Amino acid sequence: MFFLAGLAAGIALASAYGFSLGLRFIESKHSRQQPTPEVWFETPTPSSLTLVSQGRALFLSSCAHCHGADATGDEGPDLHNVWVSDRYISNIITNGIKHEMPSFKKKLGHDEIVRLTAYVRSLE
């Protein structure tokens, strides 16, 4: 009796795991985020007032024409209260979104992308 219960639980667990892998594969085809290696303990983007103010200056010169000077959106989306990781934000800035947002890979360096990420993270 216990064997059958254990077997049923094992089958249910394996089915759920297989189903989740299938969903993950399907959603990865439609994801806007470029694949990057997993980092288990990712350090957050620094958020000093200096970085945020420098990020705002970069935002005004590079991003405000689409996202608006106050980042509430115009052609691009509103960037307040973004619920994604810092890595996702910097990845979008770096690689862009096909047919929606240009890549800033050639225009901005790593330090500038860190500043922009700090600014976007500071928007509430």
N, C-alpha and C. Protein backbone atom coordinates (compact mmCIF):
# COMPACT_ATOMS: atom_id res chain seq x y z
N MET A 1 0.82 -1.19 0.00
CA MET A 1 0.00 0.00 0.00
C MET A 1 0.87 1.26 0.00
N PHE A 2 1.89 1.25 0.89
CA PHE A 2 2.78 2.41 0.95
C PHE A 2 3.57 2.54 -0.35
N PHE A 3 3.89 1.41 -0.94
CA PHE A 3 4.62 1.42 -2.20
C PHE A 3 3.82 2.12 -3.29
N LEU A 4 2.54 1.83 -3.38
CA LEU A 4 1.69 2.45 -4.39
C LEU A 4 1.55 3.95 -4.16
N ALA A 5 1.42 4.34 -2.91
CA ALA A 5 1.32 5.77 -2.58
C ALA A 5 2.62 6.48 -2.95
N GLY A 6 3.76 5.86 -2.65
CA GLY A 6 5.05 6.45 -3.01
C GLY A 6 5.23 6.53 -4.51
N LEU A 7 4.81 5.48 -5.21
CA LEU A 7 4.89 5.47 -6.67
C LEU A 7 4.01 6.56 -7.28
N ALA A 8 2.79 6.73 -6.77
CA ALA A 8 1.88 7.77 -7.27
C ALA A 8 2.47 9.16 -7.01
N ALA A 9 3.04 9.35 -5.82
CA ALA A 9 3.65 10.65 -5.51
C ALA A 9 4.85 10.92 -6.42
N GLY A 10 5.65 9.90 -6.67
CA GLY A 10 6.80 10.06 -7.56
C GLY A 10 6.39 10.40 -8.98
N ILE A 11 5.36 9.74 -9.46
CA ILE A 11 4.85 10.02 -10.81
C ILE A 11 4.31 11.44 -10.90
N ALA A 12 3.58 11.86 -9.88
CA ALA A 12 3.03 13.23 -9.86
C ALA A 12 4.15 14.26 -9.85
N LEU A 13 5.16 14.02 -9.04
CA LEU A 13 6.29 14.94 -8.96
C LEU A 13 7.05 15.00 -10.28
N ALA A 14 7.30 13.86 -10.88
CA ALA A 14 8.00 13.83 -12.17
C ALA A 14 7.18 14.50 -13.26
N SER A 15 5.87 14.32 -13.24
CA SER A 15 5.00 14.97 -14.23
C SER A 15 5.03 16.48 -14.07
N ALA A 16 4.96 16.95 -12.84
CA ALA A 16 4.99 18.40 -12.59
C ALA A 16 6.33 18.99 -13.03
N TYR A 17 7.41 18.28 -12.74
CA TYR A 17 8.73 18.76 -13.13
C TYR A 17 8.86 18.80 -14.66
N GLY A 18 8.41 17.75 -15.33
CA GLY A 18 8.46 17.72 -16.79
C GLY A 18 7.60 18.81 -17.41
N PHE A 19 6.43 19.04 -16.84
CA PHE A 19 5.54 20.09 -17.31
C PHE A 19 6.20 21.46 -17.15
N SER A 20 6.87 21.69 -16.01
CA SER A 20 7.53 22.98 -15.79
C SER A 20 8.69 23.19 -16.76
N LEU A 21 9.42 22.14 -17.07
CA LEU A 21 10.50 22.26 -18.07
C LEU A 21 9.94 22.60 -19.44
N GLY A 22 8.82 22.00 -19.79
CA GLY A 22 8.18 22.29 -21.07
C GLY A 22 7.72 23.74 -21.14
N LEU A 23 7.11 24.23 -20.07
CA LEU A 23 6.68 25.63 -20.03
C LEU A 23 7.87 26.58 -20.12
N ARG A 24 8.93 26.23 -19.42
CA ARG A 24 10.13 27.06 -19.44
C ARG A 24 10.70 27.15 -20.86
N PHE A 25 10.72 26.03 -21.57
CA PHE A 25 11.22 26.01 -22.94
C PHE A 25 10.35 26.86 -23.85
N ILE A 26 9.03 26.73 -23.73
CA ILE A 26 8.11 27.49 -24.57
C ILE A 26 8.25 28.99 -24.30
N GLU A 27 8.29 29.37 -23.03
CA GLU A 27 8.38 30.79 -22.68
C GLU A 27 9.73 31.38 -23.05
N SER A 28 10.79 30.59 -23.06
CA SER A 28 12.10 31.12 -23.43
C SER A 28 12.13 31.56 -24.89
N LYS A 29 11.28 30.97 -25.72
CA LYS A 29 11.20 31.37 -27.12
C LYS A 29 10.58 32.76 -27.28
N HIS A 30 9.73 33.14 -26.33
CA HIS A 30 9.01 34.41 -26.42
C HIS A 30 9.58 35.48 -25.48
N SER A 31 10.62 35.15 -24.76
CA SER A 31 11.19 36.09 -23.80
C SER A 31 11.97 37.18 -24.50
N ARG A 32 11.92 38.37 -23.95
CA ARG A 32 12.69 39.49 -24.49
C ARG A 32 14.10 39.53 -23.91
N GLN A 33 14.31 38.82 -22.84
CA GLN A 33 15.63 38.85 -22.20
C GLN A 33 16.57 37.89 -22.91
N GLN A 34 17.75 38.40 -23.22
CA GLN A 34 18.75 37.56 -23.86
C GLN A 34 19.28 36.56 -22.85
N PRO A 35 19.58 35.33 -23.27
CA PRO A 35 20.11 34.35 -22.32
C PRO A 35 21.45 34.79 -21.77
N THR A 36 21.58 34.74 -20.48
CA THR A 36 22.83 35.08 -19.81
C THR A 36 23.12 33.98 -18.80
N PRO A 37 24.38 33.77 -18.47
CA PRO A 37 24.67 32.74 -17.48
C PRO A 37 24.06 33.10 -16.13
N GLU A 38 23.56 32.11 -15.44
CA GLU A 38 22.96 32.33 -14.13
C GLU A 38 24.01 32.73 -13.11
N VAL A 39 23.67 33.70 -12.31
CA VAL A 39 24.52 34.12 -11.21
C VAL A 39 23.68 33.97 -9.95
N TRP A 40 24.06 33.06 -9.08
CA TRP A 40 23.25 32.77 -7.91
C TRP A 40 23.23 33.91 -6.92
N PHE A 41 24.38 34.52 -6.69
CA PHE A 41 24.46 35.60 -5.72
C PHE A 41 24.87 36.87 -6.44
N GLU A 42 23.93 37.46 -7.12
CA GLU A 42 24.18 38.65 -7.91
C GLU A 42 24.23 39.87 -6.99
N THR A 43 25.28 40.65 -7.15
CA THR A 43 25.37 41.86 -6.35
C THR A 43 24.46 42.91 -6.95
N PRO A 44 23.70 43.63 -6.12
CA PRO A 44 22.81 44.64 -6.66
C PRO A 44 23.59 45.82 -7.23
N THR A 45 22.96 46.52 -8.12
CA THR A 45 23.57 47.71 -8.68
C THR A 45 23.73 48.74 -7.57
N PRO A 46 24.91 49.34 -7.45
CA PRO A 46 25.08 50.37 -6.44
C PRO A 46 24.08 51.50 -6.67
N SER A 47 23.64 52.14 -5.61
CA SER A 47 22.61 53.17 -5.77
C SER A 47 22.91 54.42 -4.95
N SER A 48 24.12 54.92 -5.03
CA SER A 48 24.44 56.15 -4.33
C SER A 48 23.78 57.32 -5.05
N LEU A 49 23.63 58.42 -4.34
CA LEU A 49 23.02 59.61 -4.94
C LEU A 49 23.81 60.09 -6.15
N THR A 50 25.13 59.94 -6.09
CA THR A 50 25.97 60.35 -7.22
C THR A 50 25.66 59.51 -8.46
N LEU A 51 25.58 58.19 -8.29
CA LEU A 51 25.27 57.32 -9.43
C LEU A 51 23.89 57.62 -9.99
N VAL A 52 22.93 57.82 -9.11
CA VAL A 52 21.57 58.09 -9.56
C VAL A 52 21.51 59.41 -10.33
N SER A 53 22.19 60.44 -9.84
CA SER A 53 22.17 61.74 -10.54
C SER A 53 22.91 61.65 -11.88
N GLN A 54 24.01 60.90 -11.91
CA GLN A 54 24.71 60.71 -13.19
C GLN A 54 23.85 59.89 -14.15
N GLY A 55 23.14 58.90 -13.61
CA GLY A 55 22.22 58.11 -14.42
C GLY A 55 21.08 58.94 -14.97
N ARG A 56 20.59 59.89 -14.17
CA ARG A 56 19.53 60.78 -14.66
C ARG A 56 20.03 61.63 -15.82
N ALA A 57 21.26 62.14 -15.71
CA ALA A 57 21.82 62.94 -16.81
C ALA A 57 21.93 62.11 -18.08
N LEU A 58 22.38 60.86 -17.95
CA LEU A 58 22.45 59.96 -19.11
C LEU A 58 21.05 59.67 -19.66
N PHE A 59 20.11 59.47 -18.76
CA PHE A 59 18.74 59.19 -19.16
C PHE A 59 18.18 60.35 -19.99
N LEU A 60 18.39 61.56 -19.51
CA LEU A 60 17.87 62.73 -20.22
C LEU A 60 18.48 62.87 -21.61
N SER A 61 19.75 62.50 -21.76
CA SER A 61 20.39 62.65 -23.06
C SER A 61 20.15 61.45 -23.99
N SER A 62 19.90 60.27 -23.44
CA SER A 62 19.80 59.07 -24.28
C SER A 62 18.41 58.44 -24.33
N CYS A 63 17.60 58.62 -23.30
CA CYS A 63 16.37 57.84 -23.18
C CYS A 63 15.09 58.67 -23.13
N ALA A 64 15.21 59.93 -22.72
CA ALA A 64 14.03 60.74 -22.46
C ALA A 64 13.19 61.00 -23.71
N HIS A 65 13.80 60.96 -24.89
CA HIS A 65 13.03 61.22 -26.11
C HIS A 65 11.97 60.14 -26.35
N CYS A 66 12.16 58.93 -25.79
CA CYS A 66 11.16 57.88 -25.93
C CYS A 66 10.37 57.65 -24.63
N HIS A 67 11.06 57.72 -23.49
CA HIS A 67 10.41 57.40 -22.21
C HIS A 67 9.89 58.63 -21.49
N GLY A 68 10.12 59.83 -22.04
CA GLY A 68 9.69 61.06 -21.40
C GLY A 68 10.72 61.54 -20.40
N ALA A 69 10.78 62.86 -20.19
CA ALA A 69 11.78 63.43 -19.28
C ALA A 69 11.58 62.96 -17.85
N ASP A 70 10.33 62.64 -17.47
CA ASP A 70 10.07 62.16 -16.12
C ASP A 70 9.91 60.64 -16.07
N ALA A 71 10.24 59.96 -17.17
CA ALA A 71 10.22 58.50 -17.30
C ALA A 71 8.84 57.89 -17.12
N THR A 72 7.79 58.68 -17.34
CA THR A 72 6.43 58.14 -17.23
C THR A 72 5.94 57.56 -18.55
N GLY A 73 6.77 57.59 -19.56
CA GLY A 73 6.43 56.96 -20.82
C GLY A 73 5.94 57.94 -21.86
N ASP A 74 6.28 57.66 -23.08
CA ASP A 74 5.79 58.41 -24.23
C ASP A 74 5.68 57.38 -25.34
N GLU A 75 6.69 57.26 -26.18
CA GLU A 75 6.74 56.14 -27.13
C GLU A 75 7.12 54.86 -26.39
N GLY A 76 8.05 54.98 -25.43
CA GLY A 76 8.47 53.85 -24.62
C GLY A 76 7.61 53.75 -23.37
N PRO A 77 7.71 52.64 -22.64
CA PRO A 77 6.87 52.44 -21.46
C PRO A 77 7.30 53.28 -20.26
N ASP A 78 6.40 53.38 -19.30
CA ASP A 78 6.66 54.01 -18.02
C ASP A 78 7.70 53.16 -17.27
N LEU A 79 8.71 53.80 -16.71
CA LEU A 79 9.78 53.06 -16.03
C LEU A 79 9.70 53.15 -14.52
N HIS A 80 8.62 53.67 -13.99
CA HIS A 80 8.46 53.74 -12.54
C HIS A 80 8.02 52.38 -11.99
N ASN A 81 8.51 52.04 -10.81
CA ASN A 81 8.15 50.80 -10.13
C ASN A 81 8.36 49.56 -10.99
N VAL A 82 9.52 49.47 -11.62
CA VAL A 82 9.86 48.32 -12.45
C VAL A 82 10.15 47.13 -11.53
N TRP A 83 9.51 45.99 -11.81
CA TRP A 83 9.64 44.80 -10.95
C TRP A 83 10.49 43.72 -11.62
N VAL A 84 11.67 44.10 -12.12
CA VAL A 84 12.58 43.14 -12.72
C VAL A 84 13.95 43.31 -12.07
N SER A 85 14.84 42.39 -12.31
CA SER A 85 16.17 42.45 -11.70
C SER A 85 17.04 43.52 -12.35
N ASP A 86 18.07 43.92 -11.65
CA ASP A 86 19.04 44.87 -12.19
C ASP A 86 19.69 44.31 -13.44
N ARG A 87 19.94 43.01 -13.44
CA ARG A 87 20.54 42.36 -14.60
C ARG A 87 19.61 42.46 -15.81
N TYR A 88 18.32 42.31 -15.59
CA TYR A 88 17.36 42.41 -16.68
C TYR A 88 17.35 43.83 -17.24
N ILE A 89 17.35 44.84 -16.35
CA ILE A 89 17.36 46.23 -16.79
C ILE A 89 18.60 46.51 -17.62
N SER A 90 19.76 46.13 -17.12
CA SER A 90 21.00 46.41 -17.85
C SER A 90 21.06 45.63 -19.16
N ASN A 91 20.49 44.44 -19.18
CA ASN A 91 20.45 43.63 -20.40
C ASN A 91 19.57 44.30 -21.46
N ILE A 92 18.44 44.85 -21.05
CA ILE A 92 17.57 45.54 -22.00
C ILE A 92 18.26 46.79 -22.53
N ILE A 93 18.93 47.55 -21.66
CA ILE A 93 19.65 48.75 -22.11
C ILE A 93 20.75 48.35 -23.10
N THR A 94 21.48 47.31 -22.78
CA THR A 94 22.60 46.88 -23.61
C THR A 94 22.14 46.33 -24.96
N ASN A 95 21.20 45.40 -24.94
CA ASN A 95 20.82 44.68 -26.16
C ASN A 95 19.56 45.22 -26.84
N GLY A 96 18.78 46.03 -26.14
CA GLY A 96 17.55 46.55 -26.71
C GLY A 96 16.49 45.47 -26.81
N ILE A 97 15.38 45.82 -27.46
CA ILE A 97 14.28 44.89 -27.72
C ILE A 97 13.97 44.99 -29.21
N LYS A 98 14.03 43.89 -29.89
CA LYS A 98 13.85 43.88 -31.34
C LYS A 98 12.54 44.56 -31.73
N HIS A 99 12.64 45.50 -32.64
CA HIS A 99 11.53 46.28 -33.19
C HIS A 99 10.87 47.20 -32.17
N GLU A 100 11.43 47.34 -30.96
CA GLU A 100 10.82 48.21 -29.96
C GLU A 100 11.80 49.21 -29.37
N MET A 101 13.01 48.77 -29.06
CA MET A 101 13.98 49.64 -28.41
C MET A 101 15.36 49.35 -28.98
N PRO A 102 16.13 50.40 -29.31
CA PRO A 102 17.46 50.17 -29.87
C PRO A 102 18.45 49.67 -28.82
N SER A 103 19.49 49.04 -29.29
CA SER A 103 20.58 48.60 -28.42
C SER A 103 21.50 49.79 -28.15
N PHE A 104 21.96 49.90 -26.91
CA PHE A 104 22.91 50.95 -26.56
C PHE A 104 24.30 50.38 -26.32
N LYS A 105 24.53 49.18 -26.83
CA LYS A 105 25.80 48.48 -26.64
C LYS A 105 26.98 49.29 -27.17
N LYS A 106 26.80 49.93 -28.31
CA LYS A 106 27.91 50.68 -28.92
C LYS A 106 28.00 52.11 -28.40
N LYS A 107 26.91 52.62 -27.85
CA LYS A 107 26.89 54.01 -27.40
C LYS A 107 27.32 54.17 -25.94
N LEU A 108 26.96 53.21 -25.10
CA LEU A 108 27.22 53.31 -23.66
C LEU A 108 28.15 52.20 -23.19
N GLY A 109 29.05 52.56 -22.29
CA GLY A 109 29.94 51.57 -21.68
C GLY A 109 29.30 50.95 -20.45
N HIS A 110 30.00 50.00 -19.85
CA HIS A 110 29.49 49.29 -18.68
C HIS A 110 29.17 50.25 -17.54
N ASP A 111 30.06 51.19 -17.24
CA ASP A 111 29.83 52.12 -16.13
C ASP A 111 28.60 52.99 -16.37
N GLU A 112 28.39 53.39 -17.61
CA GLU A 112 27.21 54.21 -17.91
C GLU A 112 25.92 53.40 -17.79
N ILE A 113 25.99 52.14 -18.17
CA ILE A 113 24.81 51.28 -18.03
C ILE A 113 24.51 51.04 -16.56
N VAL A 114 25.54 50.92 -15.72
CA VAL A 114 25.33 50.79 -14.28
C VAL A 114 24.64 52.05 -13.74
N ARG A 115 25.06 53.22 -14.21
CA ARG A 115 24.44 54.47 -13.76
C ARG A 115 22.97 54.55 -14.19
N LEU A 116 22.70 54.18 -15.43
CA LEU A 116 21.31 54.18 -15.90
C LEU A 116 20.45 53.19 -15.13
N THR A 117 21.00 52.02 -14.85
CA THR A 117 20.28 51.03 -14.08
C THR A 117 19.97 51.55 -12.68
N ALA A 118 20.94 52.21 -12.07
CA ALA A 118 20.71 52.80 -10.74
C ALA A 118 19.61 53.85 -10.80
N TYR A 119 19.58 54.64 -11.86
CA TYR A 119 18.54 55.65 -11.99
C TYR A 119 17.16 55.01 -12.17
N VAL A 120 17.06 54.03 -13.06
CA VAL A 120 15.78 53.36 -13.28
C VAL A 120 15.30 52.69 -12.00
N ARG A 121 16.21 52.07 -11.28
CA ARG A 121 15.86 51.41 -10.02
C ARG A 121 15.36 52.44 -8.99
N SER A 122 15.85 53.68 -9.06
CA SER A 122 15.45 54.69 -8.07
C SER A 122 14.08 55.28 -8.33
N LEU A 123 13.52 55.06 -9.51
CA LEU A 123 12.21 55.64 -9.84
C LEU A 123 11.10 54.94 -9.07
N GLU A 124 10.27 55.71 -8.43
CA GLU A 124 9.13 55.15 -7.67
C GLU A 124 7.85 55.83 -8.05
